[in-house]
PDB file of N, CA and C in Angstrom:
ATOM      1  N   MET A   1     -22.808 -12.643  27.377  1.00  0.00           N
ATOM      2  CA  MET A   1     -22.326 -12.240  26.104  1.00  0.00           C
ATOM      3  C   MET A   1     -21.978 -10.730  26.209  1.00  0.00           C
ATOM      4  N   PHE A   2     -21.286 -10.007  25.692  1.00  0.00           N
ATOM      5  CA  PHE A   2     -20.267  -9.285  25.138  1.00  0.00           C
ATOM      6  C   PHE A   2     -21.512  -8.359  24.040  1.00  0.00           C
ATOM      7  N   THR A   3     -21.828  -7.408  24.294  1.00  0.00           N
ATOM      8  CA  THR A   3     -22.470  -6.077  23.353  1.00  0.00           C
ATOM      9  C   THR A   3     -21.675  -4.804  22.853  1.00  0.00           C
ATOM     10  N   VAL A   4     -22.189  -4.471  21.712  1.00  0.00           N
ATOM     11  CA  VAL A   4     -21.981  -3.095  21.155  1.00  0.00           C
ATOM     12  C   VAL A   4     -23.085  -2.385  21.975  1.00  0.00           C
ATOM     13  N   VAL A   5     -22.804  -1.171  22.003  1.00  0.00           N
ATOM     14  CA  VAL A   5     -23.682  -0.357  22.604  1.00  0.00           C
ATOM     15  C   VAL A   5     -23.476   1.223  22.220  1.00  0.00           C
ATOM     16  N   PRO A   6     -24.012   1.918  22.404  1.00  0.00           N
ATOM     17  CA  PRO A   6     -23.685   3.450  22.146  1.00  0.00           C
ATOM     18  C   PRO A   6     -23.026   3.920  22.990  1.00  0.00           C
ATOM     19  N   SER A   7     -22.407   4.618  22.910  1.00  0.00           N
ATOM     20  CA  SER A   7     -21.424   5.256  24.344  1.00  0.00           C
ATOM     21  C   SER A   7     -22.491   6.014  24.944  1.00  0.00           C
ATOM     22  N   THR A   8     -22.989   5.811  26.520  1.00  0.00           N
ATOM     23  CA  THR A   8     -23.220   7.353  27.199  1.00  0.00           C
ATOM     24  C   THR A   8     -22.339   8.074  27.745  1.00  0.00           C
ATOM     25  N   SER A   9     -21.225   7.969  27.787  1.00  0.00           N
ATOM     26  CA  SER A   9     -20.332   8.980  28.369  1.00  0.00           C
ATOM     27  C   SER A   9     -19.742   9.957  27.844  1.00  0.00           C
ATOM     28  N   ARG A  10     -19.790   9.556  26.351  1.00  0.00           N
ATOM     29  CA  ARG A  10     -19.862  10.613  25.031  1.00  0.00           C
ATOM     30  C   ARG A  10     -20.895  10.679  24.532  1.00  0.00           C
ATOM     31  N   LYS A  11     -20.407  12.107  23.353  1.00  0.00           N
ATOM     32  CA  LYS A  11     -21.936  11.983  22.604  1.00  0.00           C
ATOM     33  C   LYS A  11     -22.229  11.623  21.372  1.00  0.00           C
ATOM     34  N   TYR A  12     -20.663  10.803  20.990  1.00  0.00           N
ATOM     35  CA  TYR A  12     -20.569   9.969  20.119  1.00  0.00           C
ATOM     36  C   TYR A  12     -19.554   9.257  20.320  1.00  0.00           C
ATOM     37  N   GLY A  13     -19.843   7.762  19.367  1.00  0.00           N
ATOM     38  CA  GLY A  13     -19.034   6.456  18.994  1.00  0.00           C
ATOM     39  C   GLY A  13     -20.084   5.392  20.221  1.00  0.00           C
ATOM     40  N   TYR A  14     -18.807   4.361  20.507  1.00  0.00           N
ATOM     41  CA  TYR A  14     -19.349   3.269  20.821  1.00  0.00           C
ATOM     42  C   TYR A  14     -18.334   2.446  22.337  1.00  0.00           C
ATOM     43  N   SER A  15     -19.223   1.759  22.947  1.00  0.00           N
ATOM     44  CA  SER A  15     -18.754   1.340  24.385  1.00  0.00           C
ATOM     45  C   SER A  15     -19.250  -0.272  23.802  1.00  0.00           C
ATOM     46  N   ILE A  16     -18.530  -1.085  25.052  1.00  0.00           N
ATOM     47  CA  ILE A  16     -19.295  -2.441  24.881  1.00  0.00           C
ATOM     48  C   ILE A  16     -19.529  -2.902  26.743  1.00  0.00           C
ATOM     49  N   LYS A  17     -20.693  -3.539  25.896  1.00  0.00           N
ATOM     50  CA  LYS A  17     -21.417  -3.795  27.355  1.00  0.00           C
ATOM     51  C   LYS A  17     -21.129  -5.478  28.166  1.00  0.00           C
ATOM     52  N   ALA A  18     -20.842  -5.353  29.569  1.00  0.00           N
ATOM     53  CA  ALA A  18     -20.148  -7.151  29.755  1.00  0.00           C
ATOM     54  C   ALA A  18     -20.986  -7.421  29.914  1.00  0.00           C
ATOM     55  N   PRO A  19     -21.261  -8.750  30.117  1.00  0.00           N
ATOM     56  CA  PRO A  19     -22.291  -9.734  31.171  1.00  0.00           C
ATOM     57  C   PRO A  19     -22.642  -9.281  31.949  1.00  0.00           C
ATOM     58  N   ALA A  20     -23.743  -9.722  32.923  1.00  0.00           N
ATOM     59  CA  ALA A  20     -24.482  -9.315  33.967  1.00  0.00           C
ATOM     60  C   ALA A  20     -23.235  -9.817  35.348  1.00  0.00           C
ATOM     61  N   ASP A  21     -22.729 -10.819  35.025  1.00  0.00           N
ATOM     62  CA  ASP A  21     -21.679 -11.378  35.637  1.00  0.00           C
ATOM     63  C   ASP A  21     -20.309 -10.895  35.616  1.00  0.00           C
ATOM     64  N   GLY A  22     -20.037  -9.822  34.874  1.00  0.00           N
ATOM     65  CA  GLY A  22     -19.076  -9.155  34.557  1.00  0.00           C
ATOM     66  C   GLY A  22     -18.749  -8.002  35.652  1.00  0.00           C
ATOM     67  N   LYS A  23     -18.752  -7.848  36.839  1.00  0.00           N
ATOM     68  CA  LYS A  23     -18.239  -7.188  37.873  1.00  0.00           C
ATOM     69  C   LYS A  23     -17.535  -6.108  37.928  1.00  0.00           C
ATOM     70  N   TRP A  24     -16.036  -6.433  37.326  1.00  0.00           N
ATOM     71  CA  TRP A  24     -15.325  -5.602  36.263  1.00  0.00           C
ATOM     72  C   TRP A  24     -15.508  -4.254  35.772  1.00  0.00           C
ATOM     73  N   ALA A  25     -16.526  -4.382  34.954  1.00  0.00           N
ATOM     74  CA  ALA A  25     -16.843  -3.195  33.763  1.00  0.00           C
ATOM     75  C   ALA A  25     -17.573  -1.966  34.661  1.00  0.00           C
ATOM     76  N   LYS A  26     -16.495  -0.366  34.684  1.00  0.00           N
ATOM     77  CA  LYS A  26     -17.018   0.445  35.631  1.00  0.00           C
ATOM     78  C   LYS A  26     -17.630   1.748  35.407  1.00  0.00           C
ATOM     79  N   GLY A  27     -17.910   1.292  33.859  1.00  0.00           N
ATOM     80  CA  GLY A  27     -18.556   2.217  33.059  1.00  0.00           C
ATOM     81  C   GLY A  27     -19.959   2.435  33.685  1.00  0.00           C
ATOM     82  N   PRO A  28     -20.995   3.081  33.077  1.00  0.00           N
ATOM     83  CA  PRO A  28     -22.280   3.640  33.033  1.00  0.00           C
ATOM     84  C   PRO A  28     -23.109   2.336  32.480  1.00  0.00           C
ATOM     85  N   GLY A  29     -23.828   1.597  33.087  1.00  0.00           N
ATOM     86  CA  GLY A  29     -24.285   0.170  32.645  1.00  0.00           C
ATOM     87  C   GLY A  29     -23.690  -1.104  32.366  1.00  0.00           C
ATOM     88  N   ASN A  30     -22.851  -0.772  33.243  1.00  0.00           N
ATOM     89  CA  ASN A  30     -21.477  -1.728  33.463  1.00  0.00           C
ATOM     90  C   ASN A  30     -21.044  -2.258  31.366  1.00  0.00           C
ATOM     91  N   THR A  31     -20.737  -1.089  31.211  1.00  0.00           N
ATOM     92  CA  THR A  31     -19.877  -0.746  29.693  1.00  0.00           C
ATOM     93  C   THR A  31     -18.333  -0.518  30.326  1.00  0.00           C
ATOM     94  N   PHE A  32     -17.756  -0.626  29.073  1.00  0.00           N
ATOM     95  CA  PHE A  32     -16.592  -0.382  29.209  1.00  0.00           C
ATOM     96  C   PHE A  32     -15.863   0.125  27.850  1.00  0.00           C
ATOM     97  N   GLY A  33     -14.370   0.788  27.845  1.00  0.00           N
ATOM     98  CA  GLY A  33     -14.100   1.081  26.723  1.00  0.00           C
ATOM     99  C   GLY A  33     -14.883   1.665  25.982  1.00  0.00           C
ATOM    100  N   TRP A  34     -14.460   2.746  24.655  1.00  0.00           N
ATOM    101  CA  TRP A  34     -14.552   3.526  23.925  1.00  0.00           C
ATOM    102  C   TRP A  34     -14.350   3.693  22.473  1.00  0.00           C
ATOM    103  N   TYR A  35     -14.579   3.518  21.625  1.00  0.00           N
ATOM    104  CA  TYR A  35     -14.360   3.089  20.253  1.00  0.00           C
ATOM    105  C   TYR A  35     -14.996   4.078  19.241  1.00  0.00           C
ATOM    106  N   ARG A  36     -14.442   4.818  18.409  1.00  0.00           N
ATOM    107  CA  ARG A  36     -15.253   5.742  17.876  1.00  0.00           C
ATOM    108  C   ARG A  36     -15.694   5.421  16.548  1.00  0.00           C
ATOM    109  N   ARG A  37     -15.906   4.120  16.162  1.00  0.00           N
ATOM    110  CA  ARG A  37     -15.761   3.418  14.989  1.00  0.00           C
ATOM    111  C   ARG A  37     -17.077   2.010  15.414  1.00  0.00           C
ATOM    112  N   LYS A  38     -17.924   1.859  14.979  1.00  0.00           N
ATOM    113  CA  LYS A  38     -18.854   0.900  15.466  1.00  0.00           C
ATOM    114  C   LYS A  38     -18.151  -0.882  15.027  1.00  0.00           C
ATOM    115  N   ARG A  39     -17.240  -0.449  13.533  1.00  0.00           N
ATOM    116  CA  ARG A  39     -16.382  -1.796  13.221  1.00  0.00           C
ATOM    117  C   ARG A  39     -15.675  -2.468  13.883  1.00  0.00           C
ATOM    118  N   ASP A  40     -14.800  -1.032  14.675  1.00  0.00           N
ATOM    119  CA  ASP A  40     -13.511  -1.415  15.462  1.00  0.00           C
ATOM    120  C   ASP A  40     -14.248  -2.370  16.912  1.00  0.00           C
ATOM    121  N   ALA A  41     -15.312  -1.596  17.495  1.00  0.00           N
ATOM    122  CA  ALA A  41     -16.037  -1.868  18.878  1.00  0.00           C
ATOM    123  C   ALA A  41     -16.333  -3.467  18.506  1.00  0.00           C
ATOM    124  N   GLN A  42     -17.143  -3.580  17.139  1.00  0.00           N
ATOM    125  CA  GLN A  42     -17.982  -5.066  17.098  1.00  0.00           C
ATOM    126  C   GLN A  42     -16.975  -5.975  17.157  1.00  0.00           C
ATOM    127  N   GLY A  43     -15.754  -5.811  15.994  1.00  0.00           N
ATOM    128  CA  GLY A  43     -14.333  -6.819  16.128  1.00  0.00           C
ATOM    129  C   GLY A  43     -14.044  -6.734  17.836  1.00  0.00           C
ATOM    130  N   ARG A  44     -14.216  -6.054  18.462  1.00  0.00           N
ATOM    131  CA  ARG A  44     -13.146  -6.594  19.450  1.00  0.00           C
ATOM    132  C   ARG A  44     -14.087  -7.309  20.476  1.00  0.00           C
ATOM    133  N   CYS A  45     -15.865  -7.031  20.206  1.00  0.00           N
ATOM    134  CA  CYS A  45     -16.701  -7.699  21.158  1.00  0.00           C
ATOM    135  C   CYS A  45     -17.040  -8.900  20.553  1.00  0.00           C
ATOM    136  N   ASP A  46     -16.640  -9.456  19.447  1.00  0.00           N
ATOM    137  CA  ASP A  46     -16.445 -10.779  18.570  1.00  0.00           C
ATOM    138  C   ASP A  46     -15.606 -11.193  19.297  1.00  0.00           C
ATOM    139  N   GLU A  47     -14.128 -10.760  19.479  1.00  0.00           N
ATOM    140  CA  GLU A  47     -12.617 -11.183  19.889  1.00  0.00           C
ATOM    141  C   GLU A  47     -13.321 -12.104  21.549  1.00  0.00           C
ATOM    142  N   LEU A  48     -14.095 -11.178  22.170  1.00  0.00           N
ATOM    143  CA  LEU A  48     -14.250 -11.133  23.568  1.00  0.00           C
ATOM    144  C   LEU A  48     -15.084 -12.683  23.827  1.00  0.00           C
ATOM    145  N   ASN A  49     -15.978 -12.492  22.567  1.00  0.00           N
ATOM    146  CA  ASN A  49     -17.187 -13.537  22.743  1.00  0.00           C
ATOM    147  C   ASN A  49     -16.479 -14.673  22.510  1.00  0.00           C
ATOM    148  N   ARG A  50     -15.576 -14.624  21.286  1.00  0.00           N
ATOM    149  CA  ARG A  50     -14.960 -15.787  20.997  1.00  0.00           C
ATOM    150  C   ARG A  50     -14.204 -16.739  22.128  1.00  0.00           C
ATOM    151  N   GLU A  51     -13.480 -15.854  22.808  1.00  0.00           N
ATOM    152  CA  GLU A  51     -12.170 -16.138  23.943  1.00  0.00           C
ATOM    153  C   GLU A  51     -13.624 -16.616  25.310  1.00  0.00           C
ATOM    154  N   LYS A  52     -14.909 -15.991  25.785  1.00  0.00           N
ATOM    155  CA  LYS A  52     -15.841 -16.477  26.472  1.00  0.00           C
ATOM    156  C   LYS A  52     -16.222 -17.978  26.056  1.00  0.00           C
ATOM    157  N   SER A  53     -16.696 -18.072  24.960  1.00  0.00           N
ATOM    158  CA  SER A  53     -17.131 -19.479  24.280  1.00  0.00           C
ATOM    159  C   SER A  53     -15.839 -20.508  24.374  1.00  0.00           C
ATOM    160  N   VAL A  54     -14.472 -20.476  24.436  1.00  0.00           N
ATOM    161  CA  VAL A  54     -13.661 -20.995  24.305  1.00  0.00           C
ATOM    162  C   VAL A  54     -13.946 -21.610  25.735  1.00  0.00           C
ATOM    163  N   GLU A  55     -13.687 -20.452  26.245  1.00  0.00           N
ATOM    164  CA  GLU A  55     -13.524 -20.831  28.023  1.00  0.00           C
ATOM    165  C   GLU A  55     -14.285 -21.635  28.313  1.00  0.00           C
ATOM    166  N   GLN A  56     -15.660 -21.226  27.983  1.00  0.00           N
ATOM    167  CA  GLN A  56     -16.882 -22.414  28.522  1.00  0.00           C
ATOM    168  C   GLN A  56     -16.557 -23.402  28.459  1.00  0.00           C
ATOM    169  N   CYS A  57     -16.519 -24.141  26.701  1.00  0.00           N
ATOM    170  CA  CYS A  57     -16.262 -25.199  26.445  1.00  0.00           C
ATOM    171  C   CYS A  57     -15.500 -25.674  27.134  1.00  0.00           C
ATOM    172  N   VAL A  58     -14.212 -24.972  27.543  1.00  0.00           N
ATOM    173  CA  VAL A  58     -12.993 -25.749  28.459  1.00  0.00           C
ATOM    174  C   VAL A  58     -13.397 -26.415  29.436  1.00  0.00           C
ATOM    175  N   ASN A  59     -14.437 -25.515  30.239  1.00  0.00           N
ATOM    176  CA  ASN A  59     -14.854 -25.709  31.413  1.00  0.00           C
ATOM    177  C   ASN A  59     -16.402 -26.822  31.418  1.00  0.00           C
ATOM    178  N   GLU A  60     -16.679 -26.739  30.490  1.00  0.00           N
ATOM    179  CA  GLU A  60     -18.110 -27.112  30.721  1.00  0.00           C
ATOM    180  C   GLU A  60     -18.229 -28.681  29.472  1.00  0.00           C
ATOM    181  N   CYS A  61     -17.277 -28.805  28.432  1.00  0.00           N
ATOM    182  CA  CYS A  61     -17.796 -29.467  27.620  1.00  0.00           C
ATOM    183  C   CYS A  61     -16.946 -30.553  27.818  1.00  0.00           C
ATOM    184  N   PRO A  62     -17.829 -31.771  27.333  1.00  0.00           N
ATOM    185  CA  PRO A  62     -16.891 -33.380  28.229  1.00  0.00           C
ATOM    186  C   PRO A  62     -15.699 -33.338  27.145  1.00  0.00           C
ATOM    187  N   THR A  63     -14.544 -34.281  27.961  1.00  0.00           N
ATOM    188  CA  THR A  63     -13.545 -34.478  27.593  1.00  0.00           C
ATOM    189  C   THR A  63     -13.605 -36.352  26.460  1.00  0.00           C
ATOM    190  N   GLU A  64     -12.199 -36.202  26.362  1.00  0.00           N
ATOM    191  CA  GLU A  64     -12.563 -37.556  25.505  1.00  0.00           C
ATOM    192  C   GLU A  64     -12.430 -38.506  26.470  1.00  0.00           C
ATOM    193  N   GLU A  65     -11.880 -38.545  27.356  1.00  0.00           N
ATOM    194  CA  GLU A  65     -11.814 -39.085  28.493  1.00  0.00           C
ATOM    195  C   GLU A  65     -13.087 -39.915  29.413  1.00  0.00           C
ATOM    196  N   GLU A  66     -13.940 -38.911  29.493  1.00  0.00           N
ATOM    197  CA  GLU A  66     -14.883 -39.006  30.042  1.00  0.00           C
ATOM    198  C   GLU A  66     -16.307 -40.351  28.729  1.00  0.00           C
TER     199      GLU A  66
END
């Protein structure tokens, strides 16, 4: 699950912390991106979590044929 955290690379703003399995996030503490406002970071975070939950459901949820 993606979460919003205070930016560690700047003195202000927010970053998004990737899940532990996200090896692609190259920032400090497995973070990526930078947003000036928390609501912008939270909006992107919600979008990423929504995409991830749909992806998991496609891979794990039973289909009608089963």
